[in-house]
Amino acid sequence: MKKTVKDIDVSGKKVLVRNDFNVPLIHGEVSDDTRIRAALPTIEYLIEQNAAIVLCSHLGRPKGTPEEKYRMKPVARRLTEILNTVVGTVDDCIGPRVEAMKNDLVPGEILLLENTRFHAGEKKNDAGFAAELAKGMDIFVNDAFGAAHRAHASTEGVARHLPAVAGLLMDREISVLQQLVDNPETPITAIFGGAKISDKIGVLERFIEKADYILIGGGMANTFLKARGLEVGQSFLAEEDLDTAKEILEKAGDKLILPVDVVVTKEIKKNADCETVSVEDVPADGRIADVGSGTVDLFIEKASGSRTVLWNGPLGVFETPPFDKGTTEVARRLGDLDVNTYVGGGDSVAAVNNAGVENRMAHVSTGGGAFLEFMEGKTLPGVAALQDK
């Protein structure tokens, strides 16, 4: 078990908090504040405890230099609205101006640093950059489970310079997922989507041993279908994963369930014409873009006999309606089942939110890659760096 922010004295201290504020922006404003709201318990606890709070996070994928579209000011505006207290900003995350603002910060005040990935030293876990982030601070709190699988300066490096503990969100993620790894209720059904098998080999192999059923959708299902000798037309296909798919099919046997029908289109675009066909009848010029209603029924039938369902990854081209229907319908119907469903990964979480069933899930994780690596049993650098109880 890791120490949490509640296990140490933070009163009057300057606390650096690593959050996961990698949120979607539309026209310069936060379009989904789920990750911001998930960070509130730790921030509010630190306010109550009279700490001076410095928040930091990455946003988007800048290449180690500043990019206007990835600035943190929209996050600060949203935090200010939610907390009803001013969240200050600064145009960098290290340097003399940042140091001065840290020094001037008094208990109860909040400062949000600029995007940590505006510096190449962040992803390189540069010791000097980590030391600069830590400068002037008393304690480091990591509350960014979604970035805990990355050994970056703001997730792992800073912990070498400051007493490091888990935030309340991080603590909940670790405790819930550790229970799921160590002692899940059986039977177990695992649902995996997304594009490539190679991204999920480790967790697939682990669940071949643990799960009663493994249900496959999304782009990766195309590769499995092709490995079974079916044609997939012009669909996305990871040719380099075909041999791996054949090996997994052989290992998993009847446990591994593929789509029985799919939604096909000639062009993947918003509101494109489409039809549902059997997986045996995909036209040569068709592109598989979603699972069909028969597959949804099959997946829910398998899941309904379980006590635990684990879900990671969309079952179609979720970001492009109408190809979000299969994923959203699975989310809605999982919410109606008397099972413990654990969801991780951005599109899976978005589907659960869109279906309005997030409160019916056993746990909705803030991590995608971190969620998968935890399920594999891997050590997450951002967690390993924290103090043990």
Protein backbone atom coordinates (compact mmCIF):
# COMPACT_ATOMS: atom_id res chain seq x y z
CA MET A 1 0.00 0.00 0.00
CA LYS A 2 1.15 3.53 -0.79
CA LYS A 3 0.97 6.52 1.52
CA THR A 4 -1.71 9.00 0.59
CA VAL A 5 -2.09 12.72 1.08
CA LYS A 6 -4.10 11.89 4.23
CA ASP A 7 -1.14 10.08 5.78
CA ILE A 8 1.06 13.19 6.02
CA ASP A 9 0.82 16.71 7.42
CA VAL A 10 0.18 19.16 4.59
CA SER A 11 -0.99 22.13 6.67
CA GLY A 12 0.88 25.26 5.71
CA LYS A 13 3.00 23.30 3.20
CA LYS A 14 3.54 23.99 -0.48
CA VAL A 15 2.24 20.95 -2.32
CA LEU A 16 2.96 20.08 -5.95
CA VAL A 17 0.14 17.95 -7.40
CA ARG A 18 0.51 16.05 -10.67
CA ASN A 19 -2.95 15.81 -12.23
CA ASP A 20 -4.23 14.29 -15.43
CA PHE A 21 -5.83 17.30 -17.08
CA ASN A 22 -5.40 15.88 -20.58
CA VAL A 23 -8.95 16.89 -21.48
CA PRO A 24 -10.63 17.49 -24.86
CA LEU A 25 -10.90 21.11 -25.99
CA ILE A 26 -13.32 22.58 -28.53
CA HIS A 27 -12.86 26.20 -29.64
CA GLY A 28 -10.50 26.81 -26.72
CA GLU A 29 -12.86 25.52 -24.02
CA VAL A 30 -13.02 22.23 -22.12
CA SER A 31 -15.66 20.02 -23.78
CA ASP A 32 -15.53 17.16 -21.24
CA ASP A 33 -14.48 17.93 -17.66
CA THR A 34 -14.63 14.34 -16.34
CA ARG A 35 -10.91 14.26 -15.54
CA ILE A 36 -11.03 17.68 -13.93
CA ARG A 37 -13.89 16.65 -11.65
CA ALA A 38 -12.06 13.41 -10.78
CA ALA A 39 -9.22 15.56 -9.39
CA LEU A 40 -11.46 17.61 -7.09
CA PRO A 41 -11.36 15.43 -3.92
CA THR A 42 -7.59 15.85 -3.56
CA ILE A 43 -7.64 19.57 -4.39
CA GLU A 44 -10.52 20.24 -2.00
CA TYR A 45 -8.81 18.22 0.75
CA LEU A 46 -5.63 20.30 0.34
CA ILE A 47 -7.67 23.52 0.51
CA GLU A 48 -9.33 22.29 3.72
CA GLN A 49 -5.94 21.44 5.17
CA ASN A 50 -4.63 24.94 4.51
CA ALA A 51 -1.99 23.96 1.94
CA ALA A 52 -0.65 26.14 -0.85
CA ILE A 53 -1.35 24.19 -4.04
CA VAL A 54 0.60 24.04 -7.29
CA LEU A 55 -1.00 21.87 -9.99
CA CYS A 56 0.75 20.50 -13.06
CA SER A 57 -0.26 18.32 -16.00
CA HIS A 58 0.33 17.60 -19.65
CA LEU A 59 -2.31 18.33 -22.29
CA GLY A 60 -2.32 16.90 -25.80
CA ARG A 61 0.84 15.88 -27.62
CA PRO A 62 3.12 18.88 -28.06
CA LYS A 63 6.61 17.99 -29.29
CA GLY A 64 8.63 19.42 -26.41
CA THR A 65 7.96 23.05 -27.30
CA PRO A 66 5.02 25.41 -26.62
CA GLU A 67 1.93 25.10 -28.84
CA GLU A 68 -0.91 27.58 -28.35
CA LYS A 69 -3.67 24.97 -28.78
CA TYR A 70 -2.29 22.97 -25.84
CA ARG A 71 -2.08 25.75 -23.25
CA MET A 72 -3.59 25.07 -19.80
CA LYS A 73 -5.66 28.26 -19.44
CA PRO A 74 -8.96 26.57 -20.45
CA VAL A 75 -8.40 24.04 -17.65
CA ALA A 76 -7.74 26.84 -15.16
CA ARG A 77 -10.97 28.59 -16.24
CA ARG A 78 -12.99 25.41 -15.74
CA LEU A 79 -11.38 24.70 -12.36
CA THR A 80 -12.11 28.27 -11.28
CA GLU A 81 -15.79 27.80 -12.16
CA ILE A 82 -16.11 24.46 -10.38
CA LEU A 83 -14.16 25.38 -7.23
CA ASN A 84 -15.56 28.92 -7.10
CA THR A 85 -12.06 30.13 -6.28
CA VAL A 86 -9.46 31.68 -8.56
CA VAL A 87 -6.96 29.24 -10.07
CA GLY A 88 -3.93 31.23 -11.14
CA THR A 89 -1.90 30.50 -14.27
CA VAL A 90 1.63 31.14 -15.49
CA ASP A 91 3.15 30.88 -18.97
CA ASP A 92 5.67 28.16 -18.09
CA CYS A 93 6.14 25.31 -15.63
CA ILE A 94 9.75 26.11 -14.63
CA GLY A 95 11.96 29.19 -14.54
CA PRO A 96 12.37 32.42 -12.53
CA ARG A 97 8.80 33.67 -13.00
CA VAL A 98 7.37 30.33 -11.87
CA GLU A 99 9.69 30.27 -8.86
CA ALA A 100 8.58 33.78 -7.87
CA MET A 101 4.90 32.82 -8.10
CA LYS A 102 5.50 29.68 -6.05
CA ASN A 103 7.29 31.73 -3.40
CA ASP A 104 4.40 34.21 -3.22
CA LEU A 105 1.73 31.50 -2.95
CA VAL A 106 -0.04 31.42 0.42
CA PRO A 107 -2.13 28.62 1.99
CA GLY A 108 -5.47 28.20 0.25
CA GLU A 109 -4.23 29.60 -3.07
CA ILE A 110 -3.96 27.52 -6.24
CA LEU A 111 -1.57 27.91 -9.17
CA LEU A 112 -1.79 25.82 -12.35
CA LEU A 113 1.53 25.52 -14.18
CA GLU A 114 1.81 25.52 -17.96
CA ASN A 115 1.81 22.24 -19.94
CA THR A 116 4.71 20.08 -18.75
CA ARG A 117 5.19 18.67 -22.26
CA PHE A 118 6.19 22.09 -23.55
CA HIS A 119 9.65 20.96 -22.38
CA ALA A 120 11.49 18.01 -23.94
CA GLY A 121 12.79 17.16 -20.46
CA GLU A 122 9.33 15.98 -19.41
CA LYS A 123 9.10 12.85 -21.57
CA LYS A 124 12.85 12.22 -21.23
CA ASN A 125 12.44 12.21 -17.42
CA ASP A 126 15.31 14.67 -17.30
CA ALA A 127 16.69 14.99 -13.75
CA GLY A 128 17.35 18.72 -14.11
CA PHE A 129 13.83 19.41 -15.35
CA ALA A 130 12.35 17.34 -12.50
CA ALA A 131 14.46 19.29 -9.99
CA GLU A 132 13.14 22.56 -11.42
CA LEU A 133 9.54 21.36 -11.07
CA ALA A 134 10.23 20.41 -7.45
CA LYS A 135 11.97 23.70 -6.58
CA GLY A 136 10.26 25.64 -3.80
CA MET A 137 7.85 22.82 -2.95
CA ASP A 138 7.57 20.73 0.24
CA ILE A 139 5.54 17.70 -0.86
CA PHE A 140 4.67 15.91 -4.12
CA VAL A 141 1.24 14.36 -4.58
CA ASN A 142 0.69 12.22 -7.68
CA ASP A 143 -3.01 12.09 -8.54
CA ALA A 144 -2.56 11.31 -12.26
CA PHE A 145 -3.33 7.61 -12.56
CA GLY A 146 -3.86 8.08 -16.30
CA ALA A 147 -0.18 9.00 -16.67
CA ALA A 148 1.21 6.63 -14.02
CA HIS A 149 2.50 4.17 -16.63
CA ARG A 150 4.86 6.85 -17.96
CA ALA A 151 8.26 7.40 -16.33
CA HIS A 152 8.21 11.14 -17.00
CA ALA A 153 9.75 13.97 -15.01
CA SER A 154 6.41 15.12 -13.55
CA THR A 155 5.22 11.59 -12.70
CA GLU A 156 8.37 9.77 -11.55
CA GLY A 157 11.32 12.16 -11.59
CA VAL A 158 9.87 14.69 -9.11
CA ALA A 159 9.43 11.89 -6.55
CA ARG A 160 13.24 11.72 -6.30
CA HIS A 161 13.31 15.28 -4.98
CA LEU A 162 10.28 15.51 -2.67
CA PRO A 163 8.37 13.28 -0.24
CA ALA A 164 5.92 11.64 -2.65
CA VAL A 165 2.44 10.28 -1.85
CA ALA A 166 -0.71 9.30 -3.72
CA GLY A 167 -3.65 11.63 -4.21
CA LEU A 168 -7.15 10.43 -3.39
CA LEU A 169 -7.97 9.59 -7.02
CA MET A 170 -4.72 7.66 -7.42
CA ASP A 171 -5.37 5.81 -4.15
CA ARG A 172 -8.87 4.77 -5.24
CA GLU A 173 -7.64 3.57 -8.64
CA ILE A 174 -4.87 1.48 -7.05
CA SER A 175 -7.07 -0.08 -4.38
CA VAL A 176 -9.98 -0.91 -6.71
CA LEU A 177 -7.83 -2.29 -9.53
CA GLN A 178 -5.55 -4.24 -7.17
CA GLN A 179 -8.62 -6.00 -5.81
CA LEU A 180 -9.70 -6.73 -9.39
CA VAL A 181 -6.28 -8.22 -10.20
CA ASP A 182 -5.88 -10.20 -6.98
CA ASN A 183 -9.36 -11.41 -6.17
CA PRO A 184 -11.99 -10.80 -8.87
CA GLU A 185 -15.44 -12.31 -8.56
CA THR A 186 -15.87 -15.11 -11.08
CA PRO A 187 -16.99 -15.90 -13.79
CA ILE A 188 -15.11 -13.16 -15.70
CA THR A 189 -15.78 -11.67 -19.14
CA ALA A 190 -13.22 -9.36 -20.74
CA ILE A 191 -14.19 -7.04 -23.61
CA PHE A 192 -11.42 -5.56 -25.73
CA GLY A 193 -11.68 -3.11 -28.61
CA GLY A 194 -9.45 -0.56 -30.27
CA ALA A 195 -7.28 -0.78 -33.33
CA LYS A 196 -4.31 -3.08 -32.83
CA ILE A 197 -3.74 -6.44 -31.18
CA SER A 198 -0.11 -5.47 -30.55
CA ASP A 199 -1.28 -2.81 -28.06
CA LYS A 200 -3.01 -5.47 -25.97
CA ILE A 201 -0.97 -8.68 -26.33
CA GLY A 202 0.05 -8.74 -22.67
CA VAL A 203 -3.43 -8.25 -21.25
CA LEU A 204 -4.97 -10.65 -23.80
CA GLU A 205 -2.57 -13.41 -22.78
CA ARG A 206 -3.22 -12.75 -19.10
CA PHE A 207 -6.98 -12.96 -19.55
CA ILE A 208 -6.80 -16.13 -21.64
CA GLU A 209 -5.87 -17.70 -18.29
CA LYS A 210 -8.25 -15.71 -16.06
CA ALA A 211 -11.39 -15.01 -18.09
CA ASP A 212 -14.24 -17.30 -19.07
CA TYR A 213 -14.89 -15.26 -22.21
CA ILE A 214 -12.87 -12.71 -24.18
CA LEU A 215 -15.04 -10.59 -26.49
CA ILE A 216 -13.25 -8.75 -29.30
CA GLY A 217 -14.47 -5.71 -31.26
CA GLY A 218 -13.02 -2.65 -32.96
CA GLY A 219 -10.26 -2.66 -35.54
CA MET A 220 -8.47 -5.51 -33.81
CA ALA A 221 -11.45 -7.79 -34.52
CA ASN A 222 -10.77 -7.36 -38.26
CA THR A 223 -7.32 -8.89 -37.82
CA PHE A 224 -8.77 -11.84 -35.90
CA LEU A 225 -11.47 -12.34 -38.55
CA LYS A 226 -8.82 -12.34 -41.27
CA ALA A 227 -6.74 -14.81 -39.23
CA ARG A 228 -9.80 -17.09 -39.23
CA GLY A 229 -9.89 -16.97 -43.02
CA LEU A 230 -12.69 -14.41 -43.45
CA GLU A 231 -12.48 -11.49 -45.85
CA VAL A 232 -12.66 -7.96 -44.43
CA GLY A 233 -12.81 -5.92 -47.64
CA GLN A 234 -11.15 -2.51 -47.35
CA SER A 235 -11.31 -2.51 -43.55
CA PHE A 236 -8.46 -1.49 -41.27
CA LEU A 237 -6.16 -4.49 -40.95
CA ALA A 238 -2.93 -4.86 -38.98
CA GLU A 239 -1.16 -7.31 -41.30
CA GLU A 240 1.82 -7.45 -38.93
CA ASP A 241 -0.46 -8.84 -36.19
CA LEU A 242 -1.90 -11.74 -38.20
CA ASP A 243 0.48 -14.38 -36.87
CA THR A 244 -0.08 -13.16 -33.33
CA ALA A 245 -3.84 -13.31 -33.89
CA LYS A 246 -3.57 -16.93 -35.04
CA GLU A 247 -1.53 -17.84 -31.93
CA ILE A 248 -4.04 -16.14 -29.61
CA LEU A 249 -6.97 -17.86 -31.35
CA GLU A 250 -5.28 -21.21 -30.84
CA LYS A 251 -4.49 -20.53 -27.16
CA ALA A 252 -7.91 -19.10 -26.32
CA GLY A 253 -10.05 -21.64 -28.18
CA ASP A 254 -13.77 -21.25 -27.49
CA LYS A 255 -13.12 -18.49 -24.91
CA LEU A 256 -12.47 -15.93 -27.63
CA ILE A 257 -15.67 -14.55 -29.18
CA LEU A 258 -15.54 -12.49 -32.37
CA PRO A 259 -18.30 -10.42 -34.01
CA VAL A 260 -20.97 -12.36 -35.92
CA ASP A 261 -22.23 -9.30 -37.80
CA VAL A 262 -20.74 -5.92 -38.61
CA VAL A 263 -21.73 -2.50 -39.90
CA VAL A 264 -20.00 -1.78 -43.22
CA THR A 265 -19.67 1.38 -45.25
CA LYS A 266 -17.78 2.51 -48.34
CA GLU A 267 -16.49 5.62 -46.59
CA ILE A 268 -15.93 6.26 -42.92
CA LYS A 269 -17.35 9.73 -42.43
CA LYS A 270 -20.06 11.32 -40.32
CA ASN A 271 -23.56 10.06 -41.19
CA ALA A 272 -22.24 7.88 -44.03
CA ASP A 273 -24.51 5.31 -45.67
CA CYS A 274 -24.01 1.88 -44.12
CA GLU A 275 -25.54 -1.58 -43.75
CA THR A 276 -25.28 -4.50 -41.36
CA VAL A 277 -24.01 -7.77 -42.81
CA SER A 278 -22.78 -11.14 -41.55
CA VAL A 279 -19.00 -11.32 -41.03
CA GLU A 280 -19.06 -13.90 -43.83
CA ASP A 281 -20.56 -11.40 -46.28
CA VAL A 282 -18.34 -8.31 -46.03
CA PRO A 283 -18.26 -6.82 -49.56
CA ALA A 284 -14.91 -6.40 -51.29
CA ASP A 285 -15.31 -2.62 -51.36
CA GLY A 286 -16.72 -2.40 -47.79
CA ARG A 287 -15.11 -1.10 -44.64
CA ILE A 288 -16.06 -2.55 -41.26
CA ALA A 289 -16.88 0.41 -39.00
CA ASP A 290 -18.87 -1.05 -36.08
CA VAL A 291 -20.29 -4.24 -34.59
CA GLY A 292 -23.81 -5.19 -35.59
CA SER A 293 -26.85 -5.66 -33.37
CA GLY A 294 -26.42 -9.45 -33.41
CA THR A 295 -22.93 -9.07 -32.01
CA VAL A 296 -24.19 -6.68 -29.33
CA ASP A 297 -26.76 -9.32 -28.32
CA LEU A 298 -24.09 -12.03 -28.26
CA PHE A 299 -21.68 -9.95 -26.18
CA ILE A 300 -24.35 -9.07 -23.64
CA GLU A 301 -25.47 -12.71 -23.47
CA LYS A 302 -21.91 -13.78 -22.58
CA ALA A 303 -21.43 -10.91 -20.11
CA SER A 304 -24.76 -11.57 -18.38
CA GLY A 305 -23.51 -14.88 -17.02
CA SER A 306 -20.51 -13.24 -15.36
CA ARG A 307 -19.90 -11.61 -12.00
CA THR A 308 -17.05 -9.45 -13.30
CA VAL A 309 -16.77 -7.65 -16.65
CA LEU A 310 -13.62 -5.82 -17.70
CA TRP A 311 -13.89 -3.47 -20.71
CA ASN A 312 -11.21 -1.55 -22.57
CA GLY A 313 -11.52 -0.06 -26.03
CA PRO A 314 -14.28 0.95 -28.49
CA LEU A 315 -16.04 -1.66 -30.62
CA GLY A 316 -16.21 0.53 -33.73
CA VAL A 317 -15.07 3.87 -35.13
CA PHE A 318 -16.58 5.47 -32.06
CA GLU A 319 -15.59 9.05 -32.81
CA THR A 320 -17.58 9.07 -36.08
CA PRO A 321 -21.39 8.71 -35.81
CA PRO A 322 -23.24 6.54 -36.67
CA PHE A 323 -20.41 4.10 -35.94
CA ASP A 324 -20.61 4.83 -32.21
CA LYS A 325 -23.88 2.91 -31.86
CA GLY A 326 -22.47 -0.54 -31.07
CA THR A 327 -20.12 0.73 -28.36
CA THR A 328 -22.80 2.93 -26.79
CA GLU A 329 -25.40 0.15 -26.87
CA VAL A 330 -23.01 -2.30 -25.17
CA ALA A 331 -22.35 0.33 -22.50
CA ARG A 332 -26.09 0.91 -21.95
CA ARG A 333 -26.90 -2.78 -21.70
CA LEU A 334 -23.93 -3.53 -19.44
CA GLY A 335 -25.39 -0.89 -17.13
CA ASP A 336 -28.61 -2.91 -16.94
CA LEU A 337 -26.86 -6.13 -15.91
CA ASP A 338 -26.34 -7.34 -12.36
CA VAL A 339 -22.57 -7.61 -12.81
CA ASN A 340 -19.51 -5.70 -11.60
CA THR A 341 -18.27 -3.82 -14.67
CA TYR A 342 -14.85 -2.13 -14.70
CA VAL A 343 -14.21 0.29 -17.56
CA GLY A 344 -10.93 1.88 -18.65
CA GLY A 345 -9.86 3.78 -21.75
CA GLY A 346 -11.08 7.10 -23.12
CA ASP A 347 -13.62 5.91 -25.71
CA SER A 348 -15.03 3.18 -23.45
CA VAL A 349 -15.48 5.75 -20.68
CA ALA A 350 -17.05 8.21 -23.13
CA ALA A 351 -19.52 5.51 -24.22
CA VAL A 352 -20.49 4.82 -20.61
CA ASN A 353 -20.98 8.56 -20.03
CA ASN A 354 -22.96 8.96 -23.28
CA ALA A 355 -25.22 6.10 -22.25
CA GLY A 356 -25.73 7.69 -18.82
CA VAL A 357 -24.72 4.53 -16.96
CA GLU A 358 -21.46 5.61 -15.33
CA ASN A 359 -23.08 5.33 -11.88
CA ARG A 360 -24.04 1.72 -12.58
CA MET A 361 -20.46 0.63 -13.21
CA ALA A 362 -18.35 -0.89 -10.42
CA HIS A 363 -15.50 1.42 -11.46
CA VAL A 364 -14.80 3.84 -14.31
CA SER A 365 -11.05 4.29 -14.49
CA THR A 366 -9.34 7.52 -15.48
CA GLY A 367 -6.57 5.49 -17.14
CA GLY A 368 -6.36 3.85 -20.55
CA GLY A 369 -2.79 2.64 -20.97
CA ALA A 370 -2.28 2.68 -17.20
CA PHE A 371 -5.46 0.64 -16.70
CA LEU A 372 -4.26 -2.00 -19.20
CA GLU A 373 -0.74 -2.20 -17.78
CA PHE A 374 -2.08 -2.53 -14.24
CA MET A 375 -4.34 -5.37 -15.43
CA GLU A 376 -1.30 -7.05 -16.98
CA GLY A 377 0.39 -6.95 -13.58
CA LYS A 378 3.06 -4.48 -14.68
CA THR A 379 4.67 -2.05 -12.25
CA LEU A 380 3.63 1.52 -13.03
CA PRO A 381 6.58 3.93 -12.58
CA GLY A 382 4.37 6.72 -11.24
CA VAL A 383 3.03 4.39 -8.54
CA ALA A 384 6.33 2.68 -7.69
CA ALA A 385 7.90 6.09 -6.98
CA LEU A 386 5.46 6.84 -4.12
CA GLN A 387 6.24 6.18 -0.47
CA ASP A 388 5.01 2.92 1.03
CA LYS A 389 2.82 2.93 4.14
